[in-house]
Every structure is written in C-alpha cells, then in structure tokens.
C-alpha atoms as a PDB file:
ATOM      1  CA  MET A   1       1.665  61.840  -3.835  1.00  0.00           C
ATOM      2  CA  LYS A   2       3.266  61.389  -7.237  1.00  0.00           C
ATOM      3  CA  LYS A   3       6.089  58.842  -7.246  1.00  0.00           C
ATOM      4  CA  LYS A   4       9.518  59.857  -8.529  1.00  0.00           C
ATOM      5  CA  ILE A   5      11.263  58.011 -11.326  1.00  0.00           C
ATOM      6  CA  THR A   6      14.086  56.118  -9.609  1.00  0.00           C
ATOM      7  CA  LYS A   7      14.231  52.882 -11.655  1.00  0.00           C
ATOM      8  CA  ALA A   8      15.399  52.359 -15.216  1.00  0.00           C
ATOM      9  CA  ILE A   9      15.406  49.308 -17.478  1.00  0.00           C
ATOM     10  CA  PHE A  10      18.249  48.795 -19.959  1.00  0.00           C
ATOM     11  CA  PRO A  11      17.383  46.149 -22.600  1.00  0.00           C
ATOM     12  CA  VAL A  12      20.800  44.748 -23.588  1.00  0.00           C
ATOM     13  CA  ALA A  13      19.970  41.186 -24.615  1.00  0.00           C
ATOM     14  CA  GLY A  14      20.461  41.685 -28.361  1.00  0.00           C
ATOM     15  CA  LEU A  15      23.094  39.754 -30.293  1.00  0.00           C
ATOM     16  CA  GLY A  16      24.534  42.803 -32.056  1.00  0.00           C
ATOM     17  CA  THR A  17      24.663  40.990 -35.402  1.00  0.00           C
ATOM     18  CA  ARG A  18      25.233  44.241 -37.330  1.00  0.00           C
ATOM     19  CA  PHE A  19      28.645  44.477 -35.707  1.00  0.00           C
ATOM     20  CA  LEU A  20      29.871  40.938 -36.329  1.00  0.00           C
ATOM     21  CA  PRO A  21      32.535  39.654 -36.088  1.00  0.00           C
ATOM     22  CA  ALA A  22      33.391  42.073 -33.224  1.00  0.00           C
ATOM     23  CA  THR A  23      30.286  41.076 -31.244  1.00  0.00           C
ATOM     24  CA  LYS A  24      31.177  37.395 -31.448  1.00  0.00           C
ATOM     25  CA  SER A  25      33.035  37.878 -28.155  1.00  0.00           C
ATOM     26  CA  VAL A  26      32.352  41.503 -27.154  1.00  0.00           C
ATOM     27  CA  PRO A  27      28.829  42.637 -26.181  1.00  0.00           C
ATOM     28  CA  LYS A  28      27.810  45.537 -28.410  1.00  0.00           C
ATOM     29  CA  GLU A  29      26.981  47.634 -25.346  1.00  0.00           C
ATOM     30  CA  ILE A  30      30.631  47.806 -24.273  1.00  0.00           C
ATOM     31  CA  MET A  31      31.969  48.790 -27.685  1.00  0.00           C
ATOM     32  CA  THR A  32      33.560  52.182 -27.130  1.00  0.00           C
ATOM     33  CA  LEU A  33      32.861  55.691 -28.350  1.00  0.00           C
ATOM     34  CA  VAL A  34      36.288  57.274 -27.865  1.00  0.00           C
ATOM     35  CA  ASP A  35      37.124  55.742 -24.456  1.00  0.00           C
ATOM     36  CA  ARG A  36      33.701  54.988 -22.961  1.00  0.00           C
ATOM     37  CA  PRO A  37      31.430  52.070 -23.816  1.00  0.00           C
ATOM     38  CA  LEU A  38      27.925  52.715 -25.093  1.00  0.00           C
ATOM     39  CA  ILE A  39      26.421  51.506 -21.831  1.00  0.00           C
ATOM     40  CA  GLN A  40      28.401  54.080 -19.844  1.00  0.00           C
ATOM     41  CA  TYR A  41      26.764  56.917 -21.762  1.00  0.00           C
ATOM     42  CA  ALA A  42      23.351  55.413 -20.937  1.00  0.00           C
ATOM     43  CA  ILE A  43      24.214  54.990 -17.257  1.00  0.00           C
ATOM     44  CA  ASP A  44      25.556  58.553 -16.984  1.00  0.00           C
ATOM     45  CA  GLU A  45      22.366  59.877 -18.567  1.00  0.00           C
ATOM     46  CA  ALA A  46      20.228  57.902 -16.130  1.00  0.00           C
ATOM     47  CA  ARG A  47      22.237  59.064 -13.117  1.00  0.00           C
ATOM     48  CA  ALA A  48      21.839  62.693 -14.195  1.00  0.00           C
ATOM     49  CA  ALA A  49      18.063  62.123 -14.242  1.00  0.00           C
ATOM     50  CA  GLY A  50      18.014  60.833 -10.652  1.00  0.00           C
ATOM     51  CA  ILE A  51      17.884  57.093 -11.380  1.00  0.00           C
ATOM     52  CA  LYS A  52      19.023  55.007  -8.398  1.00  0.00           C
ATOM     53  CA  GLU A  53      18.184  51.446  -9.487  1.00  0.00           C
ATOM     54  CA  PHE A  54      19.458  50.028 -12.772  1.00  0.00           C
ATOM     55  CA  ILE A  55      17.850  46.913 -14.253  1.00  0.00           C
ATOM     56  CA  PHE A  56      19.667  45.170 -17.098  1.00  0.00           C
ATOM     57  CA  ILE A  57      17.803  42.717 -19.324  1.00  0.00           C
ATOM     58  CA  THR A  58      20.601  40.477 -20.552  1.00  0.00           C
ATOM     59  CA  SER A  59      21.163  37.192 -22.337  1.00  0.00           C
ATOM     60  CA  ARG A  60      23.817  34.499 -22.633  1.00  0.00           C
ATOM     61  CA  GLY A  61      27.270  35.865 -23.449  1.00  0.00           C
ATOM     62  CA  LYS A  62      26.912  39.201 -21.655  1.00  0.00           C
ATOM     63  CA  GLY A  63      29.320  38.440 -18.803  1.00  0.00           C
ATOM     64  CA  ALA A  64      31.744  41.162 -19.898  1.00  0.00           C
ATOM     65  CA  LEU A  65      28.943  43.699 -19.526  1.00  0.00           C
ATOM     66  CA  GLU A  66      28.387  42.658 -15.923  1.00  0.00           C
ATOM     67  CA  ASP A  67      32.118  42.722 -15.176  1.00  0.00           C
ATOM     68  CA  TYR A  68      32.445  46.259 -16.511  1.00  0.00           C
ATOM     69  CA  PHE A  69      30.522  47.740 -13.578  1.00  0.00           C
ATOM     70  CA  ASP A  70      32.402  45.718 -10.962  1.00  0.00           C
ATOM     71  CA  GLU A  71      35.467  46.920  -9.078  1.00  0.00           C
ATOM     72  CA  ALA A  72      38.909  46.175 -10.543  1.00  0.00           C
ATOM     73  CA  PRO A  73      41.181  45.986  -7.463  1.00  0.00           C
ATOM     74  CA  GLN A  74      44.387  45.051  -9.300  1.00  0.00           C
ATOM     75  CA  LEU A  75      43.988  47.776 -11.892  1.00  0.00           C
ATOM     76  CA  GLU A  76      43.108  50.351  -9.235  1.00  0.00           C
ATOM     77  CA  GLN A  77      46.139  49.354  -7.171  1.00  0.00           C
ATOM     78  CA  ALA A  78      48.441  49.651 -10.212  1.00  0.00           C
ATOM     79  CA  LEU A  79      47.130  53.147 -11.013  1.00  0.00           C
ATOM     80  CA  ARG A  80      47.476  54.175  -7.371  1.00  0.00           C
ATOM     81  CA  LYS A  81      51.105  53.004  -7.259  1.00  0.00           C
ATOM     82  CA  LYS A  82      51.941  54.947 -10.424  1.00  0.00           C
ATOM     83  CA  GLY A  83      50.281  58.082  -9.065  1.00  0.00           C
ATOM     84  CA  LYS A  84      47.757  58.213 -11.922  1.00  0.00           C
ATOM     85  CA  THR A  85      45.109  59.881  -9.769  1.00  0.00           C
ATOM     86  CA  GLU A  86      42.913  61.238 -12.571  1.00  0.00           C
ATOM     87  CA  LEU A  87      42.742  57.876 -14.321  1.00  0.00           C
ATOM     88  CA  LEU A  88      41.980  56.186 -10.999  1.00  0.00           C
ATOM     89  CA  GLU A  89      39.091  58.556 -10.296  1.00  0.00           C
ATOM     90  CA  GLU A  90      37.737  58.043 -13.793  1.00  0.00           C
ATOM     91  CA  LEU A  91      37.952  54.278 -13.395  1.00  0.00           C
ATOM     92  CA  GLN A  92      36.229  54.328 -10.016  1.00  0.00           C
ATOM     93  CA  SER A  93      33.396  56.438 -11.425  1.00  0.00           C
ATOM     94  CA  THR A  94      32.363  53.395 -13.480  1.00  0.00           C
ATOM     95  CA  ASN A  95      31.895  51.231 -10.386  1.00  0.00           C
ATOM     96  CA  MET A  96      28.318  50.660  -9.253  1.00  0.00           C
ATOM     97  CA  GLU A  97      27.324  50.170  -5.635  1.00  0.00           C
ATOM     98  CA  SER A  98      26.320  46.689  -4.515  1.00  0.00           C
ATOM     99  CA  GLY A  99      22.598  46.279  -5.046  1.00  0.00           C
ATOM    100  CA  ALA A 100      22.271  49.210  -7.472  1.00  0.00           C
ATOM    101  CA  ILE A 101      22.272  46.928 -10.522  1.00  0.00           C
ATOM    102  CA  ALA A 102      20.078  43.902 -11.139  1.00  0.00           C
ATOM    103  CA  TYR A 103      20.554  41.515 -14.052  1.00  0.00           C
ATOM    104  CA  ILE A 104      17.618  39.594 -15.518  1.00  0.00           C
ATOM    105  CA  ARG A 105      17.985  37.015 -18.303  1.00  0.00           C
ATOM    106  CA  GLN A 106      15.721  37.221 -21.319  1.00  0.00           C
ATOM    107  CA  HIS A 107      15.896  33.615 -22.485  1.00  0.00           C
ATOM    108  CA  LYS A 108      14.107  34.163 -25.806  1.00  0.00           C
ATOM    109  CA  ALA A 109      14.326  37.170 -28.135  1.00  0.00           C
ATOM    110  CA  LEU A 110      10.619  38.015 -28.164  1.00  0.00           C
ATOM    111  CA  GLY A 111      10.863  41.774 -28.630  1.00  0.00           C
ATOM    112  CA  LEU A 112      11.364  44.987 -26.681  1.00  0.00           C
ATOM    113  CA  GLY A 113       7.987  44.683 -24.982  1.00  0.00           C
ATOM    114  CA  HIS A 114       8.936  41.254 -23.683  1.00  0.00           C
ATOM    115  CA  ALA A 115      12.307  42.552 -22.441  1.00  0.00           C
ATOM    116  CA  VAL A 116      10.548  45.264 -20.420  1.00  0.00           C
ATOM    117  CA  TRP A 117       8.000  42.738 -19.139  1.00  0.00           C
ATOM    118  CA  CYS A 118      10.855  40.596 -17.784  1.00  0.00           C
ATOM    119  CA  ALA A 119      11.550  43.317 -15.186  1.00  0.00           C
ATOM    120  CA  ARG A 120       7.976  43.492 -13.902  1.00  0.00           C
ATOM    121  CA  ARG A 121       8.697  42.101 -10.411  1.00  0.00           C
ATOM    122  CA  LEU A 122      11.471  44.610  -9.766  1.00  0.00           C
ATOM    123  CA  ILE A 123       9.372  47.511 -11.019  1.00  0.00           C
ATOM    124  CA  ALA A 124       6.304  46.505  -8.974  1.00  0.00           C
ATOM    125  CA  ASN A 125       3.861  49.439  -8.891  1.00  0.00           C
ATOM    126  CA  GLU A 126       6.146  52.356  -9.726  1.00  0.00           C
ATOM    127  CA  PRO A 127       6.636  54.498 -12.805  1.00  0.00           C
ATOM    128  CA  PHE A 128       9.946  53.736 -14.507  1.00  0.00           C
ATOM    129  CA  ALA A 129      12.244  54.675 -17.358  1.00  0.00           C
ATOM    130  CA  VAL A 130      13.510  52.593 -20.272  1.00  0.00           C
ATOM    131  CA  ILE A 131      16.772  53.493 -22.010  1.00  0.00           C
ATOM    132  CA  LEU A 132      17.992  51.865 -25.219  1.00  0.00           C
ATOM    133  CA  PRO A 133      21.816  52.183 -25.195  1.00  0.00           C
ATOM    134  CA  ASP A 134      21.953  52.066 -29.021  1.00  0.00           C
ATOM    135  CA  ASP A 135      20.528  55.591 -29.019  1.00  0.00           C
ATOM    136  CA  VAL A 136      23.273  57.885 -27.746  1.00  0.00           C
ATOM    137  CA  ILE A 137      22.085  61.452 -27.225  1.00  0.00           C
ATOM    138  CA  ALA A 138      24.532  64.314 -26.841  1.00  0.00           C
ATOM    139  CA  ALA A 139      22.857  67.108 -24.871  1.00  0.00           C
ATOM    140  CA  GLU A 140      23.735  69.813 -22.353  1.00  0.00           C
ATOM    141  CA  LYS A 141      21.002  68.457 -20.066  1.00  0.00           C
ATOM    142  CA  SER A 142      20.578  64.699 -20.379  1.00  0.00           C
ATOM    143  CA  CYS A 143      17.606  63.621 -22.490  1.00  0.00           C
ATOM    144  CA  LEU A 144      16.112  61.545 -19.684  1.00  0.00           C
ATOM    145  CA  GLN A 145      16.501  64.425 -17.241  1.00  0.00           C
ATOM    146  CA  GLN A 146      14.572  66.657 -19.644  1.00  0.00           C
ATOM    147  CA  MET A 147      11.843  64.010 -19.798  1.00  0.00           C
ATOM    148  CA  VAL A 148      11.681  63.526 -16.027  1.00  0.00           C
ATOM    149  CA  GLU A 149      11.191  67.273 -15.574  1.00  0.00           C
ATOM    150  CA  ALA A 150       8.441  67.273 -18.218  1.00  0.00           C
ATOM    151  CA  TYR A 151       6.837  64.206 -16.587  1.00  0.00           C
ATOM    152  CA  GLU A 152       6.577  66.061 -13.274  1.00  0.00           C
ATOM    153  CA  GLU A 153       4.371  68.622 -15.026  1.00  0.00           C
ATOM    154  CA  SER A 154       2.517  66.155 -17.278  1.00  0.00           C
ATOM    155  CA  PRO A 155       2.172  62.667 -15.715  1.00  0.00           C
ATOM    156  CA  GLY A 156       1.483  59.558 -17.764  1.00  0.00           C
ATOM    157  CA  CYS A 157       3.516  57.685 -20.327  1.00  0.00           C
ATOM    158  CA  MET A 158       6.072  59.689 -22.246  1.00  0.00           C
ATOM    159  CA  VAL A 159       8.282  58.820 -25.203  1.00  0.00           C
ATOM    160  CA  ALA A 160      11.224  60.746 -26.615  1.00  0.00           C
ATOM    161  CA  ALA A 161      10.491  61.914 -30.143  1.00  0.00           C
ATOM    162  CA  MET A 162      12.321  63.578 -32.996  1.00  0.00           C
ATOM    163  CA  GLU A 163      11.405  64.615 -36.506  1.00  0.00           C
ATOM    164  CA  VAL A 164      12.693  62.328 -39.265  1.00  0.00           C
ATOM    165  CA  PRO A 165      12.530  62.569 -43.082  1.00  0.00           C
ATOM    166  CA  ALA A 166       9.318  61.052 -44.491  1.00  0.00           C
ATOM    167  CA  ASP A 167      11.234  58.356 -46.368  1.00  0.00           C
ATOM    168  CA  GLN A 168      12.764  57.119 -43.080  1.00  0.00           C
ATOM    169  CA  ALA A 169       9.556  56.969 -41.024  1.00  0.00           C
ATOM    170  CA  SER A 170       8.968  53.297 -41.850  1.00  0.00           C
ATOM    171  CA  SER A 171      12.048  52.412 -39.774  1.00  0.00           C
ATOM    172  CA  TYR A 172      10.541  53.783 -36.544  1.00  0.00           C
ATOM    173  CA  GLY A 173       7.542  53.793 -34.290  1.00  0.00           C
ATOM    174  CA  VAL A 174       5.695  56.971 -35.334  1.00  0.00           C
ATOM    175  CA  LEU A 175       3.353  59.216 -33.335  1.00  0.00           C
ATOM    176  CA  ASP A 176      -0.173  60.093 -34.405  1.00  0.00           C
ATOM    177  CA  VAL A 177      -0.279  63.592 -32.933  1.00  0.00           C
ATOM    178  CA  LYS A 178      -3.438  64.842 -31.234  1.00  0.00           C
ATOM    179  CA  GLU A 179      -2.179  68.261 -30.104  1.00  0.00           C
ATOM    180  CA  ASP A 180       1.221  69.851 -30.680  1.00  0.00           C
ATOM    181  CA  MET A 181       2.258  71.986 -27.708  1.00  0.00           C
ATOM    182  CA  GLY A 182       5.870  72.574 -28.709  1.00  0.00           C
ATOM    183  CA  SER A 183       8.289  70.378 -26.825  1.00  0.00           C
ATOM    184  CA  LEU A 184       5.346  68.262 -25.657  1.00  0.00           C
ATOM    185  CA  VAL A 185       2.736  66.639 -27.901  1.00  0.00           C
ATOM    186  CA  SER A 186      -0.341  64.694 -26.858  1.00  0.00           C
ATOM    187  CA  VAL A 187      -0.812  61.489 -28.778  1.00  0.00           C
ATOM    188  CA  ASN A 188      -3.801  59.830 -30.446  1.00  0.00           C
ATOM    189  CA  GLY A 189      -1.880  56.656 -31.228  1.00  0.00           C
ATOM    190  CA  MET A 190       1.408  55.078 -32.242  1.00  0.00           C
ATOM    191  CA  VAL A 191       2.216  53.060 -35.343  1.00  0.00           C
ATOM    192  CA  GLU A 192       5.176  50.691 -35.345  1.00  0.00           C
ATOM    193  CA  LYS A 193       7.140  50.836 -38.628  1.00  0.00           C
ATOM    194  CA  PRO A 194       4.317  52.123 -40.863  1.00  0.00           C
ATOM    195  CA  GLU A 195       4.288  51.305 -44.550  1.00  0.00           C
ATOM    196  CA  ALA A 196       6.007  53.825 -46.812  1.00  0.00           C
ATOM    197  CA  GLY A 197       3.835  56.891 -47.290  1.00  0.00           C
ATOM    198  CA  LYS A 198       1.372  55.900 -44.558  1.00  0.00           C
ATOM    199  CA  ALA A 199       3.042  57.370 -41.462  1.00  0.00           C
ATOM    200  CA  PRO A 200       0.642  59.570 -39.422  1.00  0.00           C
ATOM    201  CA  SER A 201       3.417  62.146 -38.826  1.00  0.00           C
ATOM    202  CA  ASN A 202       7.170  62.548 -39.079  1.00  0.00           C
ATOM    203  CA  LEU A 203       7.644  62.372 -35.296  1.00  0.00           C
ATOM    204  CA  ALA A 204       9.541  59.166 -34.570  1.00  0.00           C
ATOM    205  CA  VAL A 205       9.904  57.451 -31.219  1.00  0.00           C
ATOM    206  CA  ILE A 206      13.512  57.328 -29.963  1.00  0.00           C
ATOM    207  CA  GLY A 207      14.905  54.971 -27.323  1.00  0.00           C
ATOM    208  CA  ARG A 208      13.867  56.829 -24.161  1.00  0.00           C
ATOM    209  CA  TYR A 209      10.606  56.127 -22.333  1.00  0.00           C
ATOM    210  CA  ILE A 210       8.916  56.981 -19.069  1.00  0.00           C
ATOM    211  CA  LEU A 211       6.201  54.422 -18.422  1.00  0.00           C
ATOM    212  CA  THR A 212       3.548  53.667 -15.841  1.00  0.00           C
ATOM    213  CA  PRO A 213       2.926  50.245 -14.255  1.00  0.00           C
ATOM    214  CA  ASP A 214      -0.229  49.997 -16.397  1.00  0.00           C
ATOM    215  CA  VAL A 215       2.062  49.292 -19.373  1.00  0.00           C
ATOM    216  CA  LEU A 216       3.351  46.185 -17.617  1.00  0.00           C
ATOM    217  CA  ARG A 217      -0.199  44.987 -17.129  1.00  0.00           C
ATOM    218  CA  SER A 218      -0.773  45.362 -20.875  1.00  0.00           C
ATOM    219  CA  LEU A 219       2.435  43.450 -21.573  1.00  0.00           C
ATOM    220  CA  ASN A 220       1.181  40.649 -19.334  1.00  0.00           C
ATOM    221  CA  LYS A 221      -1.205  39.728 -22.164  1.00  0.00           C
ATOM    222  CA  LYS A 222       1.843  38.930 -24.334  1.00  0.00           C
ATOM    223  CA  GLN A 223       0.094  40.039 -27.510  1.00  0.00           C
ATOM    224  CA  VAL A 224       2.240  39.543 -30.612  1.00  0.00           C
ATOM    225  CA  GLY A 225       2.609  42.553 -32.891  1.00  0.00           C
ATOM    226  CA  ALA A 226       4.800  43.696 -35.793  1.00  0.00           C
ATOM    227  CA  GLY A 227       7.587  41.313 -36.730  1.00  0.00           C
ATOM    228  CA  GLY A 228       6.027  38.519 -34.675  1.00  0.00           C
ATOM    229  CA  GLU A 229       7.339  40.170 -31.486  1.00  0.00           C
ATOM    230  CA  ILE A 230       5.780  41.603 -28.341  1.00  0.00           C
ATOM    231  CA  GLN A 231       5.993  45.314 -29.090  1.00  0.00           C
ATOM    232  CA  LEU A 232       6.365  47.958 -26.391  1.00  0.00           C
ATOM    233  CA  THR A 233       4.686  50.397 -28.795  1.00  0.00           C
ATOM    234  CA  ASP A 234       1.501  48.303 -28.725  1.00  0.00           C
ATOM    235  CA  ALA A 235       1.358  48.367 -24.925  1.00  0.00           C
ATOM    236  CA  ILE A 236       1.803  52.150 -24.907  1.00  0.00           C
ATOM    237  CA  ALA A 237      -0.900  52.487 -27.585  1.00  0.00           C
ATOM    238  CA  ASN A 238      -3.208  50.505 -25.294  1.00  0.00           C
ATOM    239  CA  GLU A 239      -2.775  53.247 -22.681  1.00  0.00           C
ATOM    240  CA  ILE A 240      -4.291  55.687 -25.159  1.00  0.00           C
ATOM    241  CA  ALA A 241      -7.146  53.294 -25.898  1.00  0.00           C
ATOM    242  CA  GLU A 242      -7.844  53.066 -22.156  1.00  0.00           C
ATOM    243  CA  GLY A 243      -8.053  56.854 -21.908  1.00  0.00           C
ATOM    244  CA  ARG A 244      -4.769  57.406 -20.080  1.00  0.00           C
ATOM    245  CA  PRO A 245      -2.431  60.186 -21.232  1.00  0.00           C
ATOM    246  CA  VAL A 246       0.545  59.524 -23.501  1.00  0.00           C
ATOM    247  CA  HIS A 247       2.900  62.287 -24.571  1.00  0.00           C
ATOM    248  CA  GLY A 248       5.713  62.611 -27.036  1.00  0.00           C
ATOM    249  CA  PHE A 249       8.612  64.799 -25.939  1.00  0.00           C
ATOM    250  CA  ARG A 250      10.829  66.688 -28.377  1.00  0.00           C
ATOM    251  CA  PHE A 251      14.169  66.602 -26.596  1.00  0.00           C
ATOM    252  CA  SER A 252      17.019  69.051 -27.039  1.00  0.00           C
ATOM    253  CA  GLY A 253      20.173  67.308 -28.232  1.00  0.00           C
ATOM    254  CA  GLN A 254      21.674  65.283 -31.047  1.00  0.00           C
ATOM    255  CA  ARG A 255      20.820  61.627 -31.364  1.00  0.00           C
ATOM    256  CA  PHE A 256      23.186  59.057 -32.852  1.00  0.00           C
ATOM    257  CA  ASP A 257      21.930  55.637 -33.917  1.00  0.00           C
ATOM    258  CA  CYS A 258      24.810  53.534 -32.649  1.00  0.00           C
ATOM    259  CA  GLY A 259      22.948  50.386 -33.613  1.00  0.00           C
ATOM    260  CA  THR A 260      24.261  50.968 -37.136  1.00  0.00           C
ATOM    261  CA  LYS A 261      27.879  51.121 -38.294  1.00  0.00           C
ATOM    262  CA  ALA A 262      27.408  54.513 -39.940  1.00  0.00           C
ATOM    263  CA  GLY A 263      25.762  55.973 -36.835  1.00  0.00           C
ATOM    264  CA  PHE A 264      28.473  54.535 -34.605  1.00  0.00           C
ATOM    265  CA  LEU A 265      31.202  56.093 -36.754  1.00  0.00           C
ATOM    266  CA  GLN A 266      29.403  59.439 -36.826  1.00  0.00           C
ATOM    267  CA  ALA A 267      29.114  59.404 -33.041  1.00  0.00           C
ATOM    268  CA  SER A 268      32.785  58.519 -32.660  1.00  0.00           C
ATOM    269  CA  VAL A 269      33.826  61.487 -34.797  1.00  0.00           C
ATOM    270  CA  SER A 270      31.417  63.884 -33.075  1.00  0.00           C
ATOM    271  CA  PHE A 271      32.404  62.869 -29.546  1.00  0.00           C
ATOM    272  CA  GLY A 272      36.075  62.930 -30.521  1.00  0.00           C
ATOM    273  CA  LEU A 273      35.773  66.482 -31.858  1.00  0.00           C
ATOM    274  CA  ASN A 274      34.152  67.545 -28.589  1.00  0.00           C
ATOM    275  CA  ARG A 275      37.155  66.370 -26.597  1.00  0.00           C
ATOM    276  CA  PRO A 276      39.736  69.168 -26.086  1.00  0.00           C
ATOM    277  CA  ASP A 277      42.570  66.615 -25.871  1.00  0.00           C
ATOM    278  CA  LEU A 278      41.635  65.045 -29.222  1.00  0.00           C
ATOM    279  CA  ARG A 279      39.981  67.788 -31.235  1.00  0.00           C
ATOM    280  CA  ASP A 280      42.977  69.361 -32.977  1.00  0.00           C
ATOM    281  CA  ASP A 281      44.578  66.093 -34.104  1.00  0.00           C
ATOM    282  CA  LEU A 282      41.283  64.592 -35.248  1.00  0.00           C
ATOM    283  CA  LEU A 283      40.110  67.739 -37.016  1.00  0.00           C
ATOM    284  CA  GLY A 284      43.455  68.072 -38.800  1.00  0.00           C
ATOM    285  CA  TYR A 285      43.229  64.465 -39.956  1.00  0.00           C
ATOM    286  CA  ILE A 286      39.678  64.914 -41.267  1.00  0.00           C
ATOM    287  CA  GLN A 287      40.571  68.117 -43.093  1.00  0.00           C
ATOM    288  CA  ASN A 288      43.563  66.390 -44.649  1.00  0.00           C
ATOM    289  CA  ILE A 289      41.408  63.507 -45.902  1.00  0.00           C
ATOM    290  CA  VAL A 290      38.829  65.902 -47.381  1.00  0.00           C
ATOM    291  CA  SER A 291      41.447  68.018 -49.136  1.00  0.00           C
ATOM    292  CA  THR A 292      43.167  64.897 -50.522  1.00  0.00           C
ATOM    293  CA  GLN A 293      39.879  63.593 -51.909  1.00  0.00           C
ATOM    294  CA  LYS A 294      39.043  66.944 -53.491  1.00  0.00           C
ATOM    295  CA  ALA A 295      42.478  67.062 -55.103  1.00  0.00           C
ATOM    296  CA  ALA A 296      41.952  63.551 -56.483  1.00  0.00           C
ATOM    297  CA  GLU A 297      38.690  64.640 -58.105  1.00  0.00           C
END
C-alpha cells in the first residue's frame, strides 16, 4: 500500500543576509507579506495538501519563529474582551497543536541537502515533502496539493518546475528532460546552477519537493557538491542514476522569489491587490505614482 505524504520539512536555518539589517533581530521567515509572515503561507499550503507533521530545520536566533506558532493567551483574551471575533479567529488559526511541529537545529550551514538530512530520524521510512518558504506561490489549488495529487498517479521523487529565461538558468537547479508529458516531465538528470549557456533545458527547480526515503540514504554519504555544500539536487540525481523515477511537475500558479528584495516587494504588491479591503487604495496609489512619473518625463 502506497504511503500518503503527511510530513513536511521546512528549512529555515538561513541567516537572511539579503534583508539585513531587518534580519539582525527578526527571522526572515516571519517578515510579512501584507499581514501574514512568509512561513504562514508555507504552512497554509502544506495543510491544504494534507500535511499533518511539520518539521522545522532551524538555527540560533530563530526563537521568534517558534513563538509565532504558540498560543498567545493575553492577546486572545484582549481580543475576546473587545468583541473582535474575526481577529480572534484569525489569530487562533495560526496556532499549531502540541506535537504537530518539531524543531531541529542545524548547527552548521552545510547546504539544503544537509538541512533535509537533519530530519532523517523523524522522517524514518516515509515519503515526505520539502517546502522552501522563500518561494511563495499564489495558486487556486496549493502547489503542494497539485504535486501530491500528481504523486498519487506517478510515485517517486518529484520537484516543482517552471520555465525561466535562458539567461537566468544559471541561478537554479535545472532539469535534463527525458520525456515531456505536459504538466509532468520525466527526468534524465539535474544540474545545479549550470554555467551560462550550458543548461540542459529552461525548466528550473522551484522550492517544492516530494521525496522518498532513498534520498535520505543518499544524503547519508554527505557528498559535497556545488558551492562546497551538500546539495539536495545531487541526492535526487542519484535516484535517477539508481534507476528510480524522478519527475518534474509544472505547477499552476505564480511564484514569487521572496528571498530577494525585488521579489518580496512584487509579492507584497500582488497579494495586496488581491485583498478586497486593500485593493482600491493600493491600486489608486500605484496609478498615481505611475502618472506622476510619466508627467515628469
């Protein structure tokens, strides 16, 4: 009987140096898009896909991230007294049940593959998901839910993929496509950050994965790859070498790279415009800025 995907790993140990000085005291993962932190979008996506156990790979200085998912009795009591029922319900929706979240420290920044390897004892012998909170994906059906449904039809490792301009391929892990079946592609191999002009395709790997326990066994070898780090891409590529299936999945939705300032700002504007309570004011402001700039030209 095929096991369901009920566990997800969230690698959140990074220092967030691109967002200094803000990340000097605030973990990047709880920086907010409109009124929700990045990590909340990732958690909501995982819940929609049927994830029940959430494994956070953290590091020193991430205490605020852990506190975010805890109950806030004083705040809840204050909202209850003031009759702010909707706000109270929204606040309580961020609480996680005792035992649903596990926190594991990654003591050294040895790469994404190492971060995933840190969770090996909690994963045991089950397939699992990996979600990178930097990649925020706006979609009618959550990206991970789309992948879980595809996985049920096509077992094995699966990575989210999207087409990128050729001159940007060197910033990603890129798929070497064996057979293109539309939303699903079978994969010959994966190349992490290929040299300019040498990418095997323009299908880039995005921060959503469904992986088998075999990947953890590959990561046990702790082989160092690109950038002197233990690369998750290399462990997935080893699955192909061993004759096990690996698929890329073209998801439906818009991806924002919130690991960059520009991507974070773009996501903030897009999510703001999708909010009925904010859209008119924000759109009016943007239109005013554009018209002012055109007049200045």
